[in-house]
Amino acid sequence: MKVIVILMVMCSTTPGTQCQPIATPEIQFEDMYNCTVYGYSYSEEIISELSPEFVNKYGVYTKFYCESREVVWV
């Protein structure tokens, strides 16, 4: 059985920094469409919670991708 999962990170344009994983309330989706819409929506929510000064100073942005994975039941 295959499921679609979302993987999301927060990044900065500041030299020497690495992207950090972001935990998302939802992880599995029934299809790529729902995962993608959720990714954009949740990205907006995350960035909107930060101050414009913080985002502008550190060049903060999010990245996400939706991936199909095989579920193995044991």
N, C-alpha and C. Protein backbone atom coordinates (compact mmCIF):
# COMPACT_ATOMS: atom_id res chain seq x y z
N MET A 1 0.85 -1.18 0.00
CA MET A 1 0.00 0.00 0.00
C MET A 1 0.89 1.24 0.00
N LYS A 2 0.53 2.21 -0.82
CA LYS A 2 1.29 3.45 -0.89
C LYS A 2 0.52 4.59 -0.23
N VAL A 3 1.28 5.49 0.41
CA VAL A 3 0.71 6.70 0.99
C VAL A 3 1.57 7.87 0.54
N ILE A 4 1.00 9.06 0.61
CA ILE A 4 1.73 10.28 0.29
C ILE A 4 2.09 10.94 1.62
N VAL A 5 3.36 11.27 1.79
CA VAL A 5 3.80 11.95 3.02
C VAL A 5 4.41 13.30 2.66
N ILE A 6 4.33 14.23 3.62
CA ILE A 6 4.91 15.55 3.43
C ILE A 6 6.17 15.67 4.28
N LEU A 7 7.18 16.28 3.70
CA LEU A 7 8.42 16.57 4.41
C LEU A 7 8.65 18.07 4.25
N MET A 8 8.80 18.80 5.36
CA MET A 8 8.89 20.24 5.32
C MET A 8 10.09 20.73 6.14
N VAL A 9 10.76 21.76 5.63
CA VAL A 9 11.89 22.36 6.34
C VAL A 9 11.78 23.88 6.30
N MET A 10 12.40 24.53 7.31
CA MET A 10 12.52 25.98 7.32
C MET A 10 13.98 26.31 7.05
N CYS A 11 14.20 27.27 6.14
CA CYS A 11 15.54 27.62 5.72
C CYS A 11 15.76 29.12 5.87
N SER A 12 17.03 29.51 5.70
CA SER A 12 17.41 30.91 5.78
C SER A 12 18.45 31.18 4.71
N THR A 13 18.43 32.41 4.21
CA THR A 13 19.44 32.80 3.23
C THR A 13 20.73 33.25 3.92
N THR A 14 20.76 33.25 5.26
CA THR A 14 21.95 33.62 6.01
C THR A 14 23.04 32.58 5.78
N PRO A 15 24.22 33.01 5.35
CA PRO A 15 25.31 32.06 5.11
C PRO A 15 25.65 31.23 6.35
N GLY A 16 25.92 29.95 6.13
CA GLY A 16 26.33 29.07 7.22
C GLY A 16 25.18 28.40 7.97
N THR A 17 23.96 28.70 7.60
CA THR A 17 22.83 28.07 8.29
C THR A 17 22.33 26.87 7.48
N GLN A 18 21.72 25.93 8.17
CA GLN A 18 21.15 24.76 7.51
C GLN A 18 19.64 24.75 7.69
N CYS A 19 18.95 24.17 6.74
CA CYS A 19 17.50 24.03 6.85
C CYS A 19 17.19 23.09 8.02
N GLN A 20 16.13 23.42 8.75
CA GLN A 20 15.72 22.63 9.90
C GLN A 20 14.34 22.01 9.63
N PRO A 21 14.16 20.74 10.00
CA PRO A 21 12.86 20.10 9.79
C PRO A 21 11.75 20.81 10.56
N ILE A 22 10.59 20.84 9.97
CA ILE A 22 9.39 21.39 10.62
C ILE A 22 8.42 20.23 10.81
N ALA A 23 7.96 20.04 12.04
CA ALA A 23 6.91 19.04 12.29
C ALA A 23 5.59 19.59 11.76
N THR A 24 4.85 18.76 11.06
CA THR A 24 3.55 19.18 10.54
C THR A 24 2.45 18.40 11.26
N PRO A 25 1.33 19.07 11.55
CA PRO A 25 0.22 18.37 12.23
C PRO A 25 -0.28 17.16 11.43
N GLU A 26 -0.28 17.29 10.12
CA GLU A 26 -0.68 16.17 9.27
C GLU A 26 0.56 15.68 8.54
N ILE A 27 0.66 14.37 8.38
CA ILE A 27 1.84 13.79 7.73
C ILE A 27 1.44 13.00 6.49
N GLN A 28 0.37 12.22 6.58
CA GLN A 28 -0.06 11.36 5.47
C GLN A 28 -1.26 11.95 4.74
N PHE A 29 -1.27 11.74 3.42
CA PHE A 29 -2.35 12.25 2.58
C PHE A 29 -2.79 11.18 1.60
N GLU A 30 -4.00 11.33 1.11
CA GLU A 30 -4.52 10.33 0.18
C GLU A 30 -4.02 10.52 -1.24
N ASP A 31 -3.58 11.78 -1.57
CA ASP A 31 -3.07 12.00 -2.91
C ASP A 31 -2.13 13.21 -2.93
N MET A 32 -1.43 13.37 -4.03
CA MET A 32 -0.45 14.46 -4.18
C MET A 32 -1.12 15.83 -4.12
N TYR A 33 -2.31 15.93 -4.68
CA TYR A 33 -3.02 17.21 -4.68
C TYR A 33 -3.23 17.72 -3.26
N ASN A 34 -3.83 16.89 -2.40
CA ASN A 34 -4.11 17.30 -1.02
C ASN A 34 -2.83 17.60 -0.25
N CYS A 35 -1.80 16.84 -0.49
CA CYS A 35 -0.52 17.08 0.16
C CYS A 35 0.06 18.44 -0.27
N THR A 36 0.02 18.72 -1.55
CA THR A 36 0.57 19.97 -2.07
C THR A 36 -0.20 21.18 -1.56
N VAL A 37 -1.52 21.11 -1.59
CA VAL A 37 -2.34 22.22 -1.09
C VAL A 37 -2.05 22.44 0.39
N TYR A 38 -1.95 21.36 1.15
CA TYR A 38 -1.64 21.46 2.57
C TYR A 38 -0.26 22.10 2.77
N GLY A 39 0.73 21.69 1.99
CA GLY A 39 2.08 22.23 2.11
C GLY A 39 2.12 23.73 1.92
N TYR A 40 1.45 24.24 0.91
CA TYR A 40 1.42 25.68 0.68
C TYR A 40 0.66 26.40 1.80
N SER A 41 -0.45 25.83 2.21
CA SER A 41 -1.25 26.44 3.26
C SER A 41 -0.50 26.49 4.59
N TYR A 42 0.15 25.37 4.93
CA TYR A 42 0.88 25.32 6.20
C TYR A 42 2.12 26.21 6.14
N SER A 43 2.76 26.31 4.99
CA SER A 43 3.90 27.22 4.82
C SER A 43 3.47 28.66 5.09
N GLU A 44 2.33 29.05 4.55
CA GLU A 44 1.83 30.40 4.78
C GLU A 44 1.56 30.63 6.26
N GLU A 45 0.98 29.64 6.93
CA GLU A 45 0.70 29.74 8.35
C GLU A 45 1.99 29.94 9.16
N ILE A 46 3.00 29.14 8.86
CA ILE A 46 4.28 29.23 9.57
C ILE A 46 4.92 30.61 9.37
N ILE A 47 5.04 31.06 8.13
CA ILE A 47 5.68 32.34 7.84
C ILE A 47 4.88 33.50 8.43
N SER A 48 3.56 33.41 8.39
CA SER A 48 2.71 34.48 8.91
C SER A 48 2.85 34.64 10.43
N GLU A 49 3.25 33.57 11.12
CA GLU A 49 3.44 33.64 12.57
C GLU A 49 4.75 34.33 12.95
N LEU A 50 5.65 34.50 11.98
CA LEU A 50 6.91 35.18 12.23
C LEU A 50 6.76 36.67 11.92
N SER A 51 7.59 37.50 12.53
CA SER A 51 7.50 38.93 12.25
C SER A 51 8.15 39.24 10.90
N PRO A 52 7.65 40.26 10.21
CA PRO A 52 8.27 40.66 8.95
C PRO A 52 9.76 41.00 9.14
N GLU A 53 10.09 41.60 10.28
CA GLU A 53 11.49 41.95 10.55
C GLU A 53 12.37 40.70 10.59
N PHE A 54 11.88 39.66 11.25
CA PHE A 54 12.64 38.41 11.37
C PHE A 54 12.83 37.76 10.00
N VAL A 55 11.74 37.67 9.24
CA VAL A 55 11.79 37.05 7.91
C VAL A 55 12.74 37.83 7.01
N ASN A 56 12.63 39.16 7.03
CA ASN A 56 13.48 39.99 6.18
C ASN A 56 14.95 39.96 6.62
N LYS A 57 15.19 39.98 7.91
CA LYS A 57 16.58 39.99 8.42
C LYS A 57 17.31 38.70 8.08
N TYR A 58 16.62 37.54 8.26
CA TYR A 58 17.28 36.24 8.09
C TYR A 58 16.93 35.55 6.77
N GLY A 59 16.07 36.16 5.96
CA GLY A 59 15.70 35.55 4.68
C GLY A 59 15.04 34.20 4.88
N VAL A 60 14.13 34.12 5.84
CA VAL A 60 13.50 32.85 6.20
C VAL A 60 12.49 32.43 5.12
N TYR A 61 12.51 31.15 4.79
CA TYR A 61 11.53 30.59 3.86
C TYR A 61 11.34 29.10 4.19
N THR A 62 10.28 28.55 3.68
CA THR A 62 10.00 27.12 3.88
C THR A 62 10.12 26.39 2.55
N LYS A 63 10.41 25.11 2.66
CA LYS A 63 10.40 24.21 1.50
C LYS A 63 9.67 22.95 1.93
N PHE A 64 8.98 22.35 1.00
CA PHE A 64 8.33 21.07 1.30
C PHE A 64 8.28 20.24 0.03
N TYR A 65 8.13 18.95 0.24
CA TYR A 65 7.83 18.10 -0.90
C TYR A 65 6.97 16.94 -0.43
N CYS A 66 6.17 16.48 -1.35
CA CYS A 66 5.27 15.36 -1.11
C CYS A 66 5.85 14.15 -1.82
N GLU A 67 5.86 13.05 -1.13
CA GLU A 67 6.52 11.86 -1.65
C GLU A 67 5.65 10.63 -1.43
N SER A 68 5.62 9.78 -2.43
CA SER A 68 4.90 8.52 -2.32
C SER A 68 5.80 7.50 -1.64
N ARG A 69 5.28 6.86 -0.62
CA ARG A 69 6.06 5.84 0.10
C ARG A 69 5.24 4.57 0.27
N GLU A 70 5.93 3.47 0.21
CA GLU A 70 5.30 2.16 0.40
C GLU A 70 5.17 1.90 1.90
N VAL A 71 3.98 1.53 2.32
CA VAL A 71 3.73 1.19 3.72
C VAL A 71 3.85 -0.32 3.87
N VAL A 72 4.66 -0.72 4.81
CA VAL A 72 4.84 -2.16 5.06
C VAL A 72 4.24 -2.47 6.42
N TRP A 73 3.26 -3.33 6.44
CA TRP A 73 2.62 -3.73 7.70
C TRP A 73 3.33 -4.98 8.22
N VAL A 74 3.69 -4.93 9.46
CA VAL A 74 4.38 -6.08 10.05
C VAL A 74 3.49 -6.81 11.00
